[in-house]
Structure formats: structure tokens, C-alpha cells
Amino acid sequence: MPVQQEILRRRIEANKERIPGPQAGPQEQFLKTKADIAIYGGAAGGGKSWALLLEPLRHIEVKGFGGVIFRRTTVQIRNEGALWDESAKMYPLVGGDPKSSTLWWEFPEKTSISFAGLEYDSSVNDWQGAQIPFIGFDELTHFTAKQFWYMVSRNRSMCGVKPYIRATCNPDADSWVATFISWWIDQNTGFAIPERSGVLRWFIRVNDELIWGDSKEELEAAYPGALAKSVTFIPASLDDNPALNAADPGYRANLMALPRVERERLLRGNWKIRAAAGLLFQRAWCKVVDHAPEDLEEVRGWDLAGTPKTLTNDPDFTAGTKIGRSRSTGRYIVLDHRRKQDTPAKIETFVQNTASDDGISVAVSIAQDPAQAGKSQALAYVKLLEGYSVYTSVESGDKETRFGPFSAQAENGFVDVLRGDWNEIWFDSLEAFPDAAHDDDADSTSRAFNHFLARKKGWAMLELTRRDAEQTKAEQKPEPAKPEAAAGSLEAAKALMT
């Protein structure tokens, strides 16, 4: 390993102006660890992906070496600024020849580093019989435990490089990774224990259970015949990446603008935080006002249901939330909220009457079930509300993710609430989200709010298209004027004939 580290050091030194070497701190620690499995990260912006790309370069002069870096999907590899784009800034400088169609780099000694997706659990079957000296996982929490452990079995080598695995990740309290690295995490606070960063621990598997020890000798003595593997976890955060802080000072502001749960995970590296009642919304974040601005763009978002209330059930509500956005200030105001438990026919009347109360200037946004029945229902409502601006679409992401943008705006004081007799029910419901029995009020609120975000994206694209058209027009050179034909010439005669 020291020889290969020296090779890597010399290459980086030769290209130090173009390939930044490891930054002092966690990134350098990650590249120096001798663990069989090293997991790096715990917050966004810590330079994780760059370190993962840099790691296998130390072996590219070892004949027979090959490395594979996985993401859950190949789309994530090819995304703008993602692994493939970043590797293209680094690998050509050390002789890498890209094969974009197969996400594969070949180096002068016929060694290779490639990228691949493992979209499904069954995708691991594509790697049967493979032997991969270096395996990398970018965003390990996106992979299932089954995928990871199967690929551990493919981590083998005949080239002289001891097989090893490196992974990066952000916190996810519900991931199997959180359990796997729990020794390095304070279980009360959710934050990494600083003095345990980079410390190696060893494990063996007995009856499908991982047994941990502080040394290889300890475990193998206690379980004769067992072979222990070493693991470490190295936490990092945006504070550990001065290069990114200097290049993009606004990135910290982006993280701070996230909803509380995501902010705790990605900015502070909290492995225990989960969405819970009171974390995503608090009524104290909103100012209750008696009058709404006059320059509002308004939309009512609907979350539909269709089961009447009886003595023996507690069905979901059909909920509709109306939100306005000031054209002059950009502030939001929740104007009205209504909900009802009833039959489908009566719900249709309820929605239609509400639209009539709101008026044609208020857009209507309706969540659509992805199944065929949902498409039919959406079309029925479009026809029912003829004359109104009706938008239907299938929801994407989980409920907490969809609620996140509204939560962030409310927490930062950009959402007001118009005083009304519906306030208490709406406040109580949103403060109880996502732990309450019903989430219809939160769903209709996020539906209405996210309509504005979709519109802003649409206007941005329209403006971009307009600017491109103007630029293209400005760049077009007018055709040079044809010289007038001399009187009596052949050209003049032809012109008279046309």
C-alpha cells in the first residue's frame, strides 16, 4: 500500500493545479485508512464523492486491477455534475481514456475504473462470477443491505491489491447503515462521536448476526475458524471542505434553507432525526392576519377521498386548502381550508361548490392517483369544473418530502394565515403531521403550495426559451444585399423576366 500511495501522491503533485489532493482532515483520513470497509460522510458537502473518485487511482499501474463505483441508478451517475462529469475532470490527467457509452475508464496499463447502477435487488445477479478488487458505493444508504452484502462477496482480487470497499453516505435514521455504524454514533444525540472517527472495529457473521470486536485477534480467538473484517466510519461535513466553501459560498445557505429534518441530516449530520409531530410545522411560525393582500395569485389544492363517516369508521377527509402568493412581496398566505367525509357524489358537489365560492380566478390543483381509476377521476373533475383553471398530476416523493417546501417557508416566517374559524383544526392537524391518524390537511396544503413551485419552474423555462430566441436572432447575420444589375446587362434582363 505505501508504494501505491506514493504513486498517487506523485501524480497528484504533478497535476496539483488541476487535481486537488485530499484536504486535511476527514478526506485525508478516509484516503489513508487501512479498513476493509470504510464509510465516509454523515453530512452534505464534505467532499465525499471527490474522495471516492480519487481513491482507486493509487492502483491504476497495477496490472489486472479493476474498480467499480456504484450508484443506485445509472441516471444518478450521468446527472449534471455527478460522478461521470467529476471523473472527467480528474481521470484524463492520469491517462484515463473514457468510454462514455459503458461508463468505463481505461488507463495505460490496461487497468480500469467503471461506474454502474444497482437499481433492483436482482441487479446484483449481473455481477455473478465477478472479482472486483475495489468496490465503491456512492450514497450507501440508497442501497439495500442485500445489495451491499452480495457485492461484498464479489470483492476479491488476483492482481495483488488487497480487496477493499469504500462508501459515502448522508444520514438516514431508518437505513440499515445507521445500525451498521451505530458504534460510531452517539445514540442520544444522533451525532458522530469525534474520538471514534476512523477507529477500526472488526466483525464476523455468526448465524446471520454480526458479532463485533475491538480486534481481529479477539474475534478469531473467540470463534475459531472465523475470519474477521475491519470497518471504520469517518464523519465529515461542509466545514471540512474549504474548497467547496470557497468555490460556492452560497451552498451553506442552500442547506440552511432546507426543512428542519433534512437540514439536521444534511447540514449537521444527525443520524437519529426523523420527521415527527412538531418538527415539520408549528403554528408559532405563522402570523395570523385579518386582511389578505390584494395582489394575490391564488390556488386551492385538493386531496380527495370518498368514504362517508359512520359510527364504526374514521375515513380520510377530502381536504382543500387555498393559498395565495403576493405578486409584489413573494410572501404566502393560507386563505381558507375545508374538509369533508362523504360519498363520492357528495364530494363532487362539495368541490364544485367550493370552486364557485372561490371564483374563476383561483386555480384548482388536484392530486391524481397513478392507477387507471385515478386518471378517470381526474378527467371527471376537469369536466366537472369546466370554466376553471384545473391542474391534475400524480404526486411524486413521499408525503414528508412534498410537505418540505411549505415547512421551510413557514419556519422562516414567509407564511401568514388569514384569521378564520377553520384555523384551529388546520393548525392542530399540521402540527400533528406526520404522526396523526390523518394527513389529508397536510397533503392538501403541500398540494396548493407546490403548485406555485411548478409554475415558477414553468415561467423560468419560458423565460429561458425567450432569451435563447432573442440571442439566436441577434446572432443571425442578415444575408448580404445583392448588388444591383447594371442597366443593359444580362442580369438586368433576367431580373425583368422574373
Protein backbone atom coordinates (compact mmCIF):
# COMPACT_ATOMS: atom_id res chain seq x y z
CA MET A 1 0.00 0.00 0.00
CA PRO A 2 2.78 2.59 0.75
CA VAL A 3 4.17 2.17 -2.82
CA GLN A 4 0.75 2.75 -4.35
CA GLN A 5 0.20 5.75 -2.07
CA GLU A 6 3.48 7.22 -3.31
CA ILE A 7 2.35 6.71 -6.93
CA LEU A 8 -0.88 8.53 -6.17
CA ARG A 9 1.00 11.28 -4.35
CA ARG A 10 3.36 11.87 -7.28
CA ARG A 11 0.52 12.01 -9.80
CA ILE A 12 -1.38 14.50 -7.69
CA GLU A 13 1.76 16.55 -7.17
CA ALA A 14 2.35 16.67 -10.93
CA ASN A 15 -1.21 17.86 -11.50
CA LYS A 16 -1.83 19.71 -8.25
CA GLU A 17 -3.09 22.78 -10.04
CA ARG A 18 -5.71 20.70 -11.80
CA ILE A 19 -6.43 17.78 -9.44
CA PRO A 20 -6.79 18.94 -5.84
CA GLY A 21 -5.36 16.31 -3.49
CA PRO A 22 -7.11 15.23 -0.32
CA GLN A 23 -7.93 18.10 2.01
CA ALA A 24 -6.51 17.87 5.51
CA GLY A 25 -8.92 16.29 7.95
CA PRO A 26 -11.60 13.66 7.25
CA GLN A 27 -10.94 13.45 3.50
CA GLU A 28 -7.26 12.68 4.07
CA GLN A 29 -8.16 10.26 6.87
CA PHE A 30 -10.53 8.43 4.53
CA LEU A 31 -7.83 8.00 1.90
CA LYS A 32 -5.32 6.73 4.47
CA THR A 33 -7.43 4.22 6.40
CA LYS A 34 -6.48 0.54 6.13
CA ALA A 35 -10.00 -0.71 6.92
CA ASP A 36 -11.50 -3.42 4.73
CA ILE A 37 -14.70 -1.35 4.65
CA ALA A 38 -14.59 2.42 5.20
CA ILE A 39 -17.70 4.61 5.21
CA TYR A 40 -17.24 8.34 4.79
CA GLY A 41 -19.73 11.12 5.30
CA GLY A 42 -22.62 11.96 7.52
CA ALA A 43 -23.46 15.38 6.06
CA ALA A 44 -23.64 17.11 2.68
CA GLY A 45 -20.71 19.00 1.20
CA GLY A 46 -17.91 17.06 2.90
CA GLY A 47 -16.09 16.23 -0.34
CA LYS A 48 -17.21 12.60 -0.25
CA SER A 49 -17.67 11.87 -3.94
CA TRP A 50 -14.36 13.50 -4.86
CA ALA A 51 -12.54 11.34 -2.31
CA LEU A 52 -14.28 8.23 -3.66
CA LEU A 53 -13.16 9.06 -7.20
CA LEU A 54 -9.61 9.77 -6.06
CA GLU A 55 -9.22 6.56 -4.04
CA PRO A 56 -8.76 3.90 -6.79
CA LEU A 57 -6.23 5.97 -8.75
CA ARG A 58 -3.48 4.68 -6.48
CA HIS A 59 -3.74 1.27 -8.20
CA ILE A 60 -4.04 2.14 -11.87
CA GLU A 61 -0.48 0.94 -12.62
CA VAL A 62 -1.10 -2.47 -11.04
CA LYS A 63 -1.71 -4.92 -13.86
CA GLY A 64 -5.06 -6.61 -13.61
CA PHE A 65 -6.57 -4.01 -11.29
CA GLY A 66 -10.15 -3.00 -11.76
CA GLY A 67 -12.54 -0.93 -9.69
CA VAL A 68 -16.28 -0.32 -9.84
CA ILE A 69 -18.13 2.58 -8.22
CA PHE A 70 -21.86 2.05 -7.79
CA ARG A 71 -24.83 4.38 -7.57
CA ARG A 72 -28.37 3.12 -7.24
CA THR A 73 -29.19 4.12 -10.83
CA THR A 74 -27.13 4.98 -13.90
CA VAL A 75 -29.14 8.20 -14.25
CA GLN A 76 -27.61 9.35 -10.96
CA ILE A 77 -24.15 8.67 -12.40
CA ARG A 78 -24.80 10.69 -15.56
CA ASN A 79 -26.61 13.62 -13.90
CA GLU A 80 -25.12 17.06 -14.44
CA GLY A 81 -22.09 17.45 -12.17
CA ALA A 82 -22.39 13.89 -10.82
CA LEU A 83 -19.80 11.09 -10.79
CA TRP A 84 -19.19 10.80 -14.52
CA ASP A 85 -18.76 14.54 -15.01
CA GLU A 86 -16.46 14.80 -11.99
CA SER A 87 -14.35 11.83 -13.09
CA ALA A 88 -13.86 13.57 -16.45
CA LYS A 89 -12.11 16.42 -14.65
CA MET A 90 -9.66 14.06 -12.98
CA TYR A 91 -9.06 10.80 -14.82
CA PRO A 92 -7.77 12.14 -18.18
CA LEU A 93 -4.93 13.84 -16.30
CA VAL A 94 -3.57 10.45 -15.28
CA GLY A 95 -4.02 8.81 -18.68
CA GLY A 96 -7.65 7.80 -18.49
CA ASP A 97 -9.44 7.04 -21.75
CA PRO A 98 -13.25 7.36 -21.40
CA LYS A 99 -15.87 5.03 -22.84
CA SER A 100 -18.97 7.10 -22.15
CA SER A 101 -21.44 4.56 -23.53
CA THR A 102 -20.36 1.99 -20.92
CA LEU A 103 -19.32 4.42 -18.13
CA TRP A 104 -15.83 2.95 -18.20
CA TRP A 105 -12.31 4.41 -17.94
CA GLU A 106 -9.24 2.57 -19.24
CA PHE A 107 -5.72 3.53 -18.14
CA PRO A 108 -2.35 2.96 -19.86
CA GLU A 109 -1.62 -0.30 -18.00
CA LYS A 110 -4.99 -1.67 -19.23
CA THR A 111 -6.44 -1.19 -15.76
CA SER A 112 -9.96 0.19 -15.41
CA ILE A 113 -12.40 2.09 -13.23
CA SER A 114 -16.04 1.86 -14.15
CA PHE A 115 -19.42 3.05 -12.88
CA ALA A 116 -22.61 1.03 -12.60
CA GLY A 117 -26.12 1.14 -11.20
CA LEU A 118 -27.80 -1.41 -8.93
CA GLU A 119 -31.40 -0.33 -9.37
CA TYR A 120 -33.05 -3.53 -8.11
CA ASP A 121 -32.08 -6.21 -5.64
CA SER A 122 -31.95 -8.61 -8.59
CA SER A 123 -29.39 -6.36 -10.33
CA VAL A 124 -26.65 -7.96 -8.24
CA ASN A 125 -27.12 -11.13 -10.31
CA ASP A 126 -25.43 -9.30 -13.18
CA TRP A 127 -22.23 -9.50 -11.13
CA GLN A 128 -22.20 -13.25 -10.55
CA GLY A 129 -18.68 -14.56 -11.07
CA ALA A 130 -17.10 -11.09 -10.97
CA GLN A 131 -13.97 -10.34 -8.98
CA ILE A 132 -13.56 -6.65 -8.17
CA PRO A 133 -10.52 -5.54 -6.15
CA PHE A 134 -12.00 -2.12 -5.37
CA ILE A 135 -15.71 -1.50 -4.84
CA GLY A 136 -17.12 1.95 -4.15
CA PHE A 137 -20.66 2.87 -3.12
CA ASP A 138 -21.73 6.48 -3.54
CA GLU A 139 -24.66 7.20 -1.18
CA LEU A 140 -24.63 3.84 0.58
CA THR A 141 -27.96 4.45 2.33
CA HIS A 142 -29.65 4.30 -1.08
CA PHE A 143 -28.69 0.64 -1.41
CA THR A 144 -30.33 -2.28 0.35
CA ALA A 145 -28.41 -4.46 2.78
CA LYS A 146 -28.92 -7.36 0.37
CA GLN A 147 -27.21 -5.46 -2.44
CA PHE A 148 -24.28 -4.42 -0.26
CA TRP A 149 -23.56 -7.83 1.25
CA TYR A 150 -23.82 -9.58 -2.09
CA MET A 151 -21.29 -7.21 -3.60
CA VAL A 152 -19.00 -7.81 -0.61
CA SER A 153 -18.83 -11.39 -1.90
CA ARG A 154 -17.60 -10.04 -5.28
CA ASN A 155 -14.82 -8.04 -3.57
CA ARG A 156 -11.89 -10.29 -4.40
CA SER A 157 -8.56 -9.88 -6.15
CA MET A 158 -5.92 -11.78 -8.10
CA CYS A 159 -3.86 -8.70 -9.03
CA GLY A 160 -2.02 -8.22 -5.75
CA VAL A 161 -4.21 -5.38 -4.48
CA LYS A 162 -5.89 -6.42 -1.25
CA PRO A 163 -9.64 -6.22 -1.92
CA TYR A 164 -11.41 -3.41 -0.11
CA ILE A 165 -14.59 -1.33 -0.10
CA ARG A 166 -15.14 2.39 0.25
CA ALA A 167 -18.53 4.08 0.62
CA THR A 168 -20.00 7.52 1.11
CA CYS A 169 -23.37 8.44 2.59
CA ASN A 170 -25.62 11.02 4.20
CA PRO A 171 -27.58 10.23 7.39
CA ASP A 172 -30.77 8.20 7.26
CA ALA A 173 -32.13 7.07 10.62
CA ASP A 174 -34.16 4.28 9.03
CA SER A 175 -31.37 2.84 6.88
CA TRP A 176 -29.58 -0.41 7.64
CA VAL A 177 -26.39 1.68 7.50
CA ALA A 178 -27.44 3.53 10.68
CA THR A 179 -27.42 0.20 12.52
CA PHE A 180 -24.18 -0.94 10.88
CA ILE A 181 -22.24 2.15 12.05
CA SER A 182 -24.09 2.65 15.35
CA TRP A 183 -20.88 2.25 17.44
CA TRP A 184 -19.53 5.46 15.88
CA ILE A 185 -22.75 7.42 16.55
CA ASP A 186 -23.98 8.87 19.85
CA GLN A 187 -27.36 7.18 20.18
CA ASN A 188 -28.73 10.01 22.31
CA THR A 189 -27.81 12.95 20.11
CA GLY A 190 -27.54 11.27 16.71
CA PHE A 191 -24.18 12.89 16.01
CA ALA A 192 -20.88 11.14 15.31
CA ILE A 193 -18.59 10.65 18.30
CA PRO A 194 -15.46 12.65 17.34
CA GLU A 195 -12.92 10.47 19.15
CA ARG A 196 -14.19 7.35 17.35
CA SER A 197 -13.73 8.81 13.87
CA GLY A 198 -11.50 6.49 11.84
CA VAL A 199 -11.20 3.90 14.64
CA LEU A 200 -11.22 0.35 13.26
CA ARG A 201 -13.59 -2.27 14.58
CA TRP A 202 -13.85 -5.87 13.46
CA PHE A 203 -16.80 -8.15 12.79
CA ILE A 204 -17.66 -11.70 11.87
CA ARG A 205 -21.01 -13.15 10.91
CA VAL A 206 -22.41 -15.95 13.07
CA ASN A 207 -25.86 -17.41 12.32
CA ASP A 208 -26.64 -14.39 10.17
CA GLU A 209 -25.78 -12.00 13.02
CA LEU A 210 -22.83 -9.61 13.05
CA ILE A 211 -20.56 -10.06 16.06
CA TRP A 212 -18.29 -7.08 16.76
CA GLY A 213 -14.94 -6.84 18.50
CA ASP A 214 -12.15 -4.36 19.09
CA SER A 215 -9.53 -6.51 17.38
CA LYS A 216 -9.19 -9.20 14.77
CA GLU A 217 -7.36 -11.45 17.23
CA GLU A 218 -10.11 -11.15 19.83
CA LEU A 219 -12.85 -12.28 17.47
CA GLU A 220 -10.93 -15.05 15.74
CA ALA A 221 -9.84 -16.46 19.09
CA ALA A 222 -13.43 -16.44 20.37
CA TYR A 223 -14.77 -18.00 17.15
CA PRO A 224 -12.19 -20.49 15.79
CA GLY A 225 -12.29 -20.73 12.02
CA ALA A 226 -13.94 -17.34 11.59
CA LEU A 227 -12.27 -14.61 9.53
CA ALA A 228 -12.84 -11.07 10.73
CA LYS A 229 -13.16 -7.98 8.53
CA SER A 230 -12.41 -4.43 9.63
CA VAL A 231 -14.77 -1.45 9.38
CA THR A 232 -14.49 2.25 10.13
CA PHE A 233 -16.67 5.32 9.84
CA ILE A 234 -15.26 8.79 9.21
CA PRO A 235 -17.74 11.67 9.56
CA ALA A 236 -17.39 14.83 7.51
CA SER A 237 -19.40 17.99 6.98
CA LEU A 238 -19.35 21.16 4.92
CA ASP A 239 -16.92 22.66 7.45
CA ASP A 240 -14.39 20.00 6.39
CA ASN A 241 -14.47 21.11 2.75
CA PRO A 242 -12.86 24.58 2.46
CA ALA A 243 -12.55 24.11 -1.31
CA LEU A 244 -16.32 23.94 -1.73
CA ASN A 245 -16.88 26.77 0.74
CA ALA A 246 -14.56 28.97 -1.30
CA ALA A 247 -15.94 27.95 -4.70
CA ASP A 248 -19.62 28.12 -3.73
CA PRO A 249 -20.23 30.24 -0.60
CA GLY A 250 -23.98 30.02 -1.22
CA TYR A 251 -24.10 26.24 -0.73
CA ARG A 252 -24.36 26.63 3.05
CA ALA A 253 -27.35 28.93 2.56
CA ASN A 254 -28.96 26.24 0.38
CA LEU A 255 -28.60 23.69 3.18
CA MET A 256 -29.87 26.13 5.79
CA ALA A 257 -32.98 26.71 3.69
CA LEU A 258 -33.95 23.03 3.87
CA PRO A 259 -36.86 21.88 6.07
CA ARG A 260 -35.76 21.10 9.62
CA VAL A 261 -35.42 17.32 9.32
CA GLU A 262 -33.38 17.46 6.11
CA ARG A 263 -31.35 20.37 7.47
CA GLU A 264 -30.42 18.36 10.57
CA ARG A 265 -29.37 15.44 8.39
CA LEU A 266 -27.50 17.20 5.61
CA LEU A 267 -26.02 20.21 7.39
CA ARG A 268 -25.40 18.85 10.88
CA GLY A 269 -25.04 15.13 10.17
CA ASN A 270 -27.75 13.88 12.55
CA TRP A 271 -28.30 10.11 12.26
CA LYS A 272 -31.29 9.95 14.65
CA ILE A 273 -33.54 12.73 13.38
CA ARG A 274 -36.89 11.67 11.92
CA ALA A 275 -39.94 13.55 10.85
CA ALA A 276 -42.19 13.76 13.92
CA ALA A 277 -45.08 15.82 15.19
CA GLY A 278 -44.00 19.40 15.76
CA LEU A 279 -40.82 19.15 13.70
CA LEU A 280 -42.36 19.91 10.31
CA PHE A 281 -44.78 22.62 11.40
CA GLN A 282 -45.51 24.86 14.37
CA ARG A 283 -48.28 27.45 14.48
CA ALA A 284 -45.86 29.94 16.05
CA TRP A 285 -44.07 30.12 12.70
CA CYS A 286 -47.09 31.82 11.09
CA LYS A 287 -48.56 35.25 11.71
CA VAL A 288 -52.37 35.28 11.83
CA VAL A 289 -53.68 38.34 9.96
CA ASP A 290 -57.11 39.91 9.48
CA HIS A 291 -56.69 41.03 5.88
CA ALA A 292 -55.13 39.47 2.79
CA PRO A 293 -53.07 41.41 0.25
CA GLU A 294 -54.88 42.43 -2.91
CA ASP A 295 -52.21 41.32 -5.38
CA LEU A 296 -52.52 37.58 -4.84
CA GLU A 297 -52.16 34.70 -7.23
CA GLU A 298 -54.36 32.01 -5.65
CA VAL A 299 -54.73 28.25 -5.86
CA ARG A 300 -56.70 25.65 -3.95
CA GLY A 301 -55.10 22.26 -3.57
CA TRP A 302 -57.25 19.17 -3.08
CA ASP A 303 -56.56 15.80 -1.51
CA LEU A 304 -59.55 13.63 -2.42
CA ALA A 305 -61.28 10.83 -0.55
CA GLY A 306 -64.76 9.36 -0.85
CA THR A 307 -65.94 7.41 2.19
CA PRO A 308 -68.69 8.72 4.48
CA LYS A 309 -68.27 8.83 8.25
CA THR A 310 -70.21 6.24 10.29
CA LEU A 311 -70.25 5.18 13.92
CA THR A 312 -67.74 2.43 13.23
CA ASN A 313 -65.15 4.04 10.95
CA ASP A 314 -62.83 7.01 10.70
CA PRO A 315 -62.18 7.51 6.99
CA ASP A 316 -59.87 10.02 5.35
CA PHE A 317 -61.13 13.52 4.67
CA THR A 318 -61.42 15.24 1.35
CA ALA A 319 -59.43 18.38 2.16
CA GLY A 320 -59.00 21.59 0.19
CA THR A 321 -56.53 24.33 1.15
CA LYS A 322 -56.42 27.73 -0.56
CA ILE A 323 -53.09 29.57 -0.60
CA GLY A 324 -52.20 32.92 -2.12
CA ARG A 325 -48.85 34.34 -3.16
CA SER A 326 -48.27 38.11 -3.29
CA ARG A 327 -47.01 39.22 -6.66
CA SER A 328 -45.19 42.17 -5.10
CA THR A 329 -43.58 40.61 -2.00
CA GLY A 330 -43.49 36.89 -2.79
CA ARG A 331 -44.96 36.09 0.65
CA TYR A 332 -47.54 33.33 1.05
CA ILE A 333 -50.84 33.41 2.92
CA VAL A 334 -53.14 30.49 3.74
CA LEU A 335 -56.59 31.86 2.95
CA ASP A 336 -59.03 29.03 3.62
CA HIS A 337 -59.25 25.35 4.49
CA ARG A 338 -62.21 23.00 4.12
CA ARG A 339 -62.66 19.27 4.60
CA LYS A 340 -65.42 16.68 4.45
CA GLN A 341 -66.02 12.94 4.89
CA ASP A 342 -68.73 11.81 2.48
CA THR A 343 -69.69 9.75 -0.55
CA PRO A 344 -68.00 10.36 -3.92
CA ALA A 345 -71.08 12.06 -5.34
CA LYS A 346 -71.39 14.44 -2.41
CA ILE A 347 -67.67 15.13 -2.50
CA GLU A 348 -68.02 16.20 -6.15
CA THR A 349 -70.73 18.66 -5.13
CA PHE A 350 -68.53 19.86 -2.25
CA VAL A 351 -65.59 20.53 -4.58
CA GLN A 352 -67.81 22.19 -7.18
CA ASN A 353 -69.45 24.49 -4.62
CA THR A 354 -66.06 25.42 -3.19
CA ALA A 355 -64.80 26.36 -6.66
CA SER A 356 -67.90 28.52 -7.11
CA ASP A 357 -67.19 30.28 -3.79
CA ASP A 358 -63.55 30.84 -4.76
CA GLY A 359 -64.29 32.19 -8.25
CA ILE A 360 -62.65 31.53 -11.61
CA SER A 361 -59.50 33.48 -10.71
CA VAL A 362 -58.48 30.74 -8.23
CA ALA A 363 -56.67 27.81 -9.83
CA VAL A 364 -57.62 24.29 -8.75
CA SER A 365 -54.90 21.65 -8.24
CA ILE A 366 -55.99 18.04 -7.73
CA ALA A 367 -53.81 15.09 -6.78
CA GLN A 368 -54.22 12.15 -9.15
CA ASP A 369 -53.90 8.50 -8.22
CA PRO A 370 -51.40 6.82 -10.60
CA ALA A 371 -53.75 3.92 -11.37
CA GLN A 372 -56.24 3.99 -14.24
CA ALA A 373 -59.10 4.78 -11.87
CA GLY A 374 -57.17 7.86 -10.74
CA LYS A 375 -56.82 9.06 -14.33
CA SER A 376 -60.55 8.64 -14.87
CA GLN A 377 -61.32 10.52 -11.66
CA ALA A 378 -59.01 13.36 -12.65
CA LEU A 379 -60.69 13.69 -16.06
CA ALA A 380 -64.10 13.65 -14.39
CA TYR A 381 -63.11 16.58 -12.15
CA VAL A 382 -61.67 18.53 -15.09
CA LYS A 383 -65.03 18.15 -16.82
CA LEU A 384 -66.97 18.91 -13.61
CA LEU A 385 -65.02 22.14 -13.13
CA GLU A 386 -65.26 23.33 -16.72
CA GLY A 387 -64.55 27.05 -16.85
CA TYR A 388 -61.97 26.92 -14.05
CA SER A 389 -58.20 26.51 -14.37
CA VAL A 390 -57.82 22.91 -13.23
CA TYR A 391 -54.47 21.12 -12.90
CA THR A 392 -54.07 17.43 -12.15
CA SER A 393 -50.90 15.41 -11.69
CA VAL A 394 -49.57 12.32 -9.95
CA GLU A 395 -47.75 13.08 -6.70
CA SER A 396 -44.03 12.30 -6.58
CA GLY A 397 -42.00 11.58 -3.45
CA ASP A 398 -43.32 10.73 0.00
CA LYS A 399 -45.70 12.95 1.95
CA GLU A 400 -43.00 14.42 4.18
CA THR A 401 -40.84 15.34 1.20
CA ARG A 402 -43.79 17.01 -0.53
CA PHE A 403 -44.59 18.96 2.64
CA GLY A 404 -40.95 20.06 3.00
CA PRO A 405 -41.02 23.22 0.81
CA PHE A 406 -44.04 24.61 2.67
CA SER A 407 -42.48 23.69 6.01
CA ALA A 408 -39.26 25.55 5.14
CA GLN A 409 -41.11 28.70 4.08
CA ALA A 410 -43.27 28.63 7.21
CA GLU A 411 -40.33 28.10 9.57
CA ASN A 412 -38.51 31.06 8.00
CA GLY A 413 -41.51 33.34 8.57
CA PHE A 414 -42.71 33.68 4.97
CA VAL A 415 -46.23 32.26 5.52
CA ASP A 416 -49.18 34.16 7.00
CA VAL A 417 -52.61 32.75 7.87
CA LEU A 418 -55.89 34.59 7.35
CA ARG A 419 -57.96 34.51 10.52
CA GLY A 420 -60.97 32.18 10.26
CA ASP A 421 -62.98 29.58 12.13
CA TRP A 422 -61.01 26.84 10.31
CA ASN A 423 -57.67 27.94 11.80
CA GLU A 424 -57.63 25.69 14.87
CA ILE A 425 -58.41 22.47 13.01
CA TRP A 426 -55.79 23.25 10.37
CA PHE A 427 -53.11 24.24 12.90
CA ASP A 428 -53.74 21.13 15.02
CA SER A 429 -53.60 18.83 12.03
CA LEU A 430 -50.37 20.26 10.61
CA GLU A 431 -48.63 20.24 14.00
CA ALA A 432 -49.54 16.55 14.38
CA PHE A 433 -48.20 15.64 10.94
CA PRO A 434 -46.83 13.04 10.12
CA ASP A 435 -47.79 11.09 13.27
CA ALA A 436 -51.53 11.80 13.21
CA ALA A 437 -54.15 9.31 12.03
CA HIS A 438 -55.00 11.61 9.09
CA ASP A 439 -52.64 13.58 6.87
CA ASP A 440 -55.20 14.96 4.44
CA ASP A 441 -54.87 18.56 5.64
CA ALA A 442 -51.09 18.49 5.25
CA ASP A 443 -51.43 16.85 1.81
CA SER A 444 -53.85 19.49 0.50
CA THR A 445 -51.62 22.25 1.90
CA SER A 446 -48.50 20.93 0.20
CA ARG A 447 -50.52 20.35 -2.98
CA ALA A 448 -51.53 24.01 -3.10
CA PHE A 449 -48.09 25.33 -2.17
CA ASN A 450 -46.20 23.13 -4.63
CA HIS A 451 -48.42 24.41 -7.43
CA PHE A 452 -46.58 27.73 -7.13
CA LEU A 453 -43.22 25.99 -7.34
CA ALA A 454 -44.28 24.17 -10.50
CA ARG A 455 -45.47 27.45 -12.02
CA LYS A 456 -42.18 29.15 -11.15
CA LYS A 457 -40.27 26.36 -12.90
CA GLY A 458 -42.53 26.76 -15.91
CA TRP A 459 -42.03 30.54 -16.05
CA ALA A 460 -38.28 30.03 -15.67
CA MET A 461 -38.25 27.69 -18.67
CA LEU A 462 -40.38 30.13 -20.67
CA GLU A 463 -38.02 32.99 -19.86
CA LEU A 464 -35.02 30.84 -20.76
CA THR A 465 -36.59 29.97 -24.11
CA ARG A 466 -37.39 33.64 -24.78
CA ARG A 467 -33.80 34.70 -24.03
CA ASP A 468 -32.39 31.93 -26.22
CA ALA A 469 -34.63 33.02 -29.08
CA GLU A 470 -33.54 36.65 -28.72
CA GLN A 471 -29.89 35.66 -28.60
CA THR A 472 -30.25 33.44 -31.67
CA LYS A 473 -31.98 36.27 -33.53
CA ALA A 474 -29.24 38.72 -32.55
CA GLU A 475 -26.54 36.30 -33.70
CA GLN A 476 -28.13 35.67 -37.09
CA LYS A 477 -26.30 37.70 -39.72
CA PRO A 478 -28.54 39.25 -42.38
CA GLU A 479 -27.98 38.00 -45.88
CA PRO A 480 -25.74 40.40 -47.81
CA ALA A 481 -27.69 42.61 -50.19
CA LYS A 482 -27.35 41.61 -53.81
CA PRO A 483 -25.67 44.31 -55.99
CA GLU A 484 -27.98 45.96 -58.47
CA ALA A 485 -27.50 44.75 -62.04
CA ALA A 486 -26.06 47.28 -64.48
CA ALA A 487 -28.53 48.67 -66.99
CA GLY A 488 -28.47 46.73 -70.26
CA SER A 489 -26.69 43.74 -68.75
CA LEU A 490 -27.84 40.08 -68.96
CA GLU A 491 -28.56 40.12 -65.21
CA ALA A 492 -30.84 43.12 -65.61
CA ALA A 493 -32.72 41.37 -68.37
CA LYS A 494 -33.21 38.26 -66.21
CA ALA A 495 -34.50 40.43 -63.37
CA LEU A 496 -37.12 41.96 -65.65
CA MET A 497 -38.27 38.50 -66.69
CA THR A 498 -38.79 37.23 -63.09
